[in-house]
Amino acid sequence: MPSRVFTTRAGLDVADASCMSVCFQTRDQERPAEKEILMKAILMVLMMMSASVVTAQAQTASTAAPAGGAQAAAPVKNPVATALRTIVVGRQKNTLGAIEAMPADKFGYKPTPEQMSFGHLVVHITESNNNFCAKVADVPAPQAAELKETDSKDTLLAAAKASFDFCSASLANMDDSKLGDTIELFGHNQGPRAMMALILASSWADHYGTAAMYLRLNGILPPSAQPKK
């Protein structure tokens, strides 16, 4: 299987090998696949987080530095939480845009019989956001109604929006002080809370990459490939 399916000039709607391994499994296979791609995704996510922190540092320097520009940028407080808050803005916009762009009669679409439907993908995105953001921010997960992949587009889209709103609200009050705590990751596997932060950021990239590919297979340009207005 090729490691890249589609590429845009910005590289934002790429469905890479890690996305294929997670998002195209049957429901019974999803959990093992997520464990398998974790280490592969860590380097990519660290690079994204580093870029986000650098951006935050540059913004801090531009507002804090005197006219002469001689003052060095101050270190970013809570760099991991800051990076997640920066990343979620674009991921929310593009992922919800992709869901909105898919016609309602295509929510049952599967590239092959073995792959999940687009509606299933939206359910997976919603559940992942609610569970992962709760673990990362150390807050209770929302008591949302159980979704089915056969629910209407309006129902699934509303649930996805609510899950991103929950993430944004949870991350807004998060700091880095609890990243060293040991928590339950998947099943009975435990690890530091920081690992769940990496999983969360990589899941946003994977899910959007998959949604973008489903759109392209139906002749629809994903949000990140749309011409700039």
Protein backbone atom coordinates (compact mmCIF):
# COMPACT_ATOMS: atom_id res chain seq x y z
CA MET A 1 0.00 0.00 0.00
CA PRO A 2 1.51 3.39 -0.90
CA SER A 3 2.35 5.64 2.00
CA ARG A 4 0.83 8.75 0.40
CA VAL A 5 -2.52 9.00 -1.31
CA PHE A 6 -3.13 12.69 -2.00
CA THR A 7 -0.97 15.74 -1.58
CA THR A 8 -1.80 19.44 -1.74
CA ARG A 9 0.65 22.29 -1.99
CA ALA A 10 0.28 22.81 1.75
CA GLY A 11 0.42 19.08 2.49
CA LEU A 12 -2.52 19.41 4.87
CA ASP A 13 -4.89 16.84 3.42
CA VAL A 14 -2.38 14.02 3.11
CA ALA A 15 -3.65 10.57 4.07
CA ASP A 16 -0.40 8.96 5.19
CA ALA A 17 0.46 5.45 6.23
CA SER A 18 -0.41 6.07 9.87
CA CYS A 19 -3.84 7.41 8.92
CA MET A 20 -4.50 4.42 6.71
CA SER A 21 -3.54 2.05 9.52
CA VAL A 22 -5.91 3.67 12.02
CA CYS A 23 -8.84 4.99 10.09
CA PHE A 24 -9.37 2.17 7.61
CA GLN A 25 -9.63 -0.70 10.03
CA THR A 26 -12.83 -2.45 11.01
CA ARG A 27 -14.24 -1.51 14.40
CA ASP A 28 -12.63 -4.61 15.95
CA GLN A 29 -9.21 -3.61 14.60
CA GLU A 30 -9.19 0.08 15.49
CA ARG A 31 -7.77 -0.12 18.99
CA PRO A 32 -4.68 -2.29 18.16
CA ALA A 33 -3.94 -0.12 15.15
CA GLU A 34 -3.94 3.03 17.28
CA LYS A 35 -1.31 1.48 19.53
CA GLU A 36 0.82 0.44 16.55
CA ILE A 37 1.00 3.93 15.03
CA LEU A 38 1.65 5.79 18.28
CA MET A 39 5.45 5.66 18.11
CA LYS A 40 5.39 6.44 14.39
CA ALA A 41 3.28 9.54 15.05
CA ILE A 42 5.28 10.91 17.98
CA LEU A 43 8.05 12.49 15.90
CA MET A 44 5.55 14.12 13.56
CA VAL A 45 3.50 15.50 16.45
CA LEU A 46 6.56 16.77 18.28
CA MET A 47 7.51 18.67 15.14
CA MET A 48 4.01 20.19 14.93
CA MET A 49 4.09 21.14 18.58
CA SER A 50 7.55 22.65 18.24
CA ALA A 51 6.37 24.74 15.31
CA SER A 52 3.35 25.91 17.30
CA VAL A 53 5.50 26.88 20.27
CA VAL A 54 7.92 28.75 18.02
CA THR A 55 4.96 30.65 16.56
CA ALA A 56 3.73 31.52 20.04
CA GLN A 57 7.21 32.68 21.00
CA ALA A 58 7.44 34.88 17.94
CA GLN A 59 4.08 36.43 18.73
CA THR A 60 5.15 37.06 22.31
CA ALA A 61 8.39 38.65 21.13
CA SER A 62 6.63 40.91 18.62
CA THR A 63 4.36 42.35 21.32
CA ALA A 64 6.84 42.45 24.19
CA ALA A 65 10.03 43.62 22.47
CA PRO A 66 10.90 47.31 22.52
CA ALA A 67 11.16 49.39 19.35
CA GLY A 68 14.83 48.49 18.97
CA GLY A 69 13.99 44.77 18.95
CA ALA A 70 16.87 43.96 21.32
CA GLN A 71 14.89 42.06 23.95
CA ALA A 72 14.98 38.26 23.65
CA ALA A 73 11.71 36.31 23.49
CA ALA A 74 10.49 35.08 26.84
CA PRO A 75 9.99 31.31 27.28
CA VAL A 76 6.44 30.14 26.62
CA LYS A 77 4.59 29.11 29.76
CA ASN A 78 2.95 25.66 29.48
CA PRO A 79 4.35 24.89 26.01
CA VAL A 80 2.44 21.63 25.47
CA ALA A 81 -0.94 23.10 26.42
CA THR A 82 -0.13 26.19 24.34
CA ALA A 83 0.73 24.02 21.35
CA LEU A 84 -2.50 22.01 21.62
CA ARG A 85 -4.57 25.18 21.87
CA THR A 86 -2.84 26.49 18.74
CA ILE A 87 -3.20 23.27 16.75
CA VAL A 88 -6.89 22.65 17.53
CA VAL A 89 -8.01 25.89 15.86
CA GLY A 90 -6.95 24.81 12.37
CA ARG A 91 -7.90 21.16 12.86
CA GLN A 92 -11.38 22.10 14.01
CA LYS A 93 -11.90 24.42 11.04
CA ASN A 94 -10.71 21.92 8.43
CA THR A 95 -12.29 18.79 9.92
CA LEU A 96 -15.71 20.36 10.39
CA GLY A 97 -15.38 21.91 6.93
CA ALA A 98 -14.74 18.46 5.49
CA ILE A 99 -17.80 17.01 7.22
CA GLU A 100 -19.94 19.88 5.98
CA ALA A 101 -18.61 19.44 2.43
CA MET A 102 -19.63 15.78 2.16
CA PRO A 103 -23.17 15.46 0.74
CA ALA A 104 -25.66 13.84 3.10
CA ASP A 105 -26.26 10.96 0.70
CA LYS A 106 -22.53 10.11 0.77
CA PHE A 107 -22.25 9.52 4.52
CA GLY A 108 -22.60 5.80 3.86
CA TYR A 109 -19.74 5.88 1.34
CA LYS A 110 -16.87 3.40 1.78
CA PRO A 111 -13.82 3.33 -0.54
CA THR A 112 -13.89 -0.49 -0.21
CA PRO A 113 -16.29 -2.81 1.62
CA GLU A 114 -13.69 -3.42 4.35
CA GLN A 115 -13.27 0.25 5.20
CA MET A 116 -15.38 2.38 7.51
CA SER A 117 -18.11 4.57 6.10
CA PHE A 118 -17.80 8.35 6.20
CA GLY A 119 -20.53 8.41 8.84
CA HIS A 120 -18.53 5.93 10.93
CA LEU A 121 -15.50 8.21 10.58
CA VAL A 122 -17.49 11.16 11.98
CA VAL A 123 -18.62 9.06 14.94
CA HIS A 124 -14.99 8.02 15.51
CA ILE A 125 -13.81 11.64 15.37
CA THR A 126 -16.46 12.71 17.87
CA GLU A 127 -15.76 9.92 20.35
CA SER A 128 -11.99 10.42 20.08
CA ASN A 129 -12.25 14.15 20.75
CA ASN A 130 -14.45 13.66 23.79
CA ASN A 131 -12.34 10.89 25.31
CA PHE A 132 -8.85 12.16 24.46
CA CYS A 133 -9.45 15.79 25.43
CA ALA A 134 -10.97 14.69 28.73
CA LYS A 135 -7.87 12.61 29.53
CA VAL A 136 -5.41 15.29 28.43
CA ALA A 137 -7.11 18.10 30.37
CA ASP A 138 -8.04 15.86 33.33
CA VAL A 139 -11.74 16.69 33.18
CA PRO A 140 -14.82 14.44 32.92
CA ALA A 141 -15.85 13.43 29.41
CA PRO A 142 -19.19 14.87 28.30
CA GLN A 143 -22.27 12.70 28.68
CA ALA A 144 -23.17 12.71 25.01
CA ALA A 145 -25.90 10.65 23.39
CA GLU A 146 -24.69 7.49 21.67
CA LEU A 147 -24.16 8.03 17.96
CA LYS A 148 -24.68 5.64 15.06
CA GLU A 149 -23.00 5.90 11.71
CA THR A 150 -26.45 5.82 10.11
CA ASP A 151 -27.58 8.98 11.95
CA SER A 152 -28.38 11.99 9.78
CA LYS A 153 -25.68 14.36 8.56
CA ASP A 154 -27.12 17.13 10.74
CA THR A 155 -26.95 14.93 13.85
CA LEU A 156 -23.39 13.76 13.19
CA LEU A 157 -22.15 17.24 12.26
CA ALA A 158 -23.67 18.75 15.41
CA ALA A 159 -22.01 16.06 17.54
CA ALA A 160 -18.62 16.67 15.89
CA LYS A 161 -18.95 20.43 16.48
CA ALA A 162 -19.83 19.82 20.12
CA SER A 163 -16.79 17.57 20.56
CA PHE A 164 -14.42 20.23 19.20
CA ASP A 165 -16.09 22.84 21.41
CA PHE A 166 -15.48 20.54 24.37
CA CYS A 167 -11.82 20.17 23.39
CA SER A 168 -11.35 23.93 23.05
CA ALA A 169 -13.00 24.62 26.40
CA SER A 170 -11.05 21.87 28.17
CA LEU A 171 -7.69 22.85 26.71
CA ALA A 172 -8.31 26.52 27.54
CA ASN A 173 -8.00 25.71 31.25
CA MET A 174 -5.19 23.16 30.91
CA ASP A 175 -1.60 23.67 31.99
CA ASP A 176 1.44 21.38 31.82
CA SER A 177 1.60 20.59 35.54
CA LYS A 178 -0.13 17.19 35.23
CA LEU A 179 1.61 15.88 32.10
CA GLY A 180 3.78 13.58 34.20
CA ASP A 181 0.79 11.88 35.87
CA THR A 182 0.25 8.22 35.03
CA ILE A 183 -3.18 7.65 33.47
CA GLU A 184 -5.04 4.92 31.61
CA LEU A 185 -4.47 5.32 27.88
CA PHE A 186 -6.25 2.45 26.09
CA GLY A 187 -7.75 -0.53 27.83
CA HIS A 188 -5.48 -1.42 30.73
CA ASN A 189 -2.40 0.24 29.25
CA GLN A 190 -1.02 3.11 31.29
CA GLY A 191 1.38 5.91 30.51
CA PRO A 192 2.10 9.57 31.20
CA ARG A 193 -0.58 12.12 30.41
CA ALA A 194 1.90 13.67 27.98
CA MET A 195 1.55 10.58 25.80
CA MET A 196 -2.19 11.19 25.50
CA ALA A 197 -1.44 14.75 24.42
CA LEU A 198 0.66 13.34 21.56
CA ILE A 199 -2.08 10.85 20.67
CA LEU A 200 -4.65 13.66 20.63
CA ALA A 201 -2.64 15.85 18.26
CA SER A 202 -1.82 12.95 15.93
CA SER A 203 -5.48 11.86 15.86
CA TRP A 204 -6.53 15.31 14.62
CA ALA A 205 -4.08 15.02 11.73
CA ASP A 206 -5.09 11.44 10.92
CA HIS A 207 -8.81 12.11 11.01
CA TYR A 208 -8.65 15.15 8.78
CA GLY A 209 -6.36 13.35 6.34
CA THR A 210 -8.87 10.53 6.06
CA ALA A 211 -11.86 12.85 5.66
CA ALA A 212 -9.97 14.76 2.96
CA MET A 213 -9.30 11.57 1.04
CA TYR A 214 -12.96 10.50 1.20
CA LEU A 215 -13.90 13.89 -0.24
CA ARG A 216 -11.37 13.58 -3.06
CA LEU A 217 -12.62 10.11 -3.95
CA ASN A 218 -16.02 11.76 -4.46
CA GLY A 219 -14.63 14.58 -6.59
CA ILE A 220 -14.74 17.19 -3.81
CA LEU A 221 -11.81 19.42 -2.87
CA PRO A 222 -11.11 19.32 0.89
CA PRO A 223 -10.99 22.61 2.80
CA SER A 224 -7.18 22.84 2.91
CA ALA A 225 -7.03 22.52 -0.90
CA GLN A 226 -9.59 25.20 -1.65
CA PRO A 227 -8.22 28.26 -3.50
CA LYS A 228 -7.51 31.19 -1.24
CA LYS A 229 -10.12 33.92 -1.49
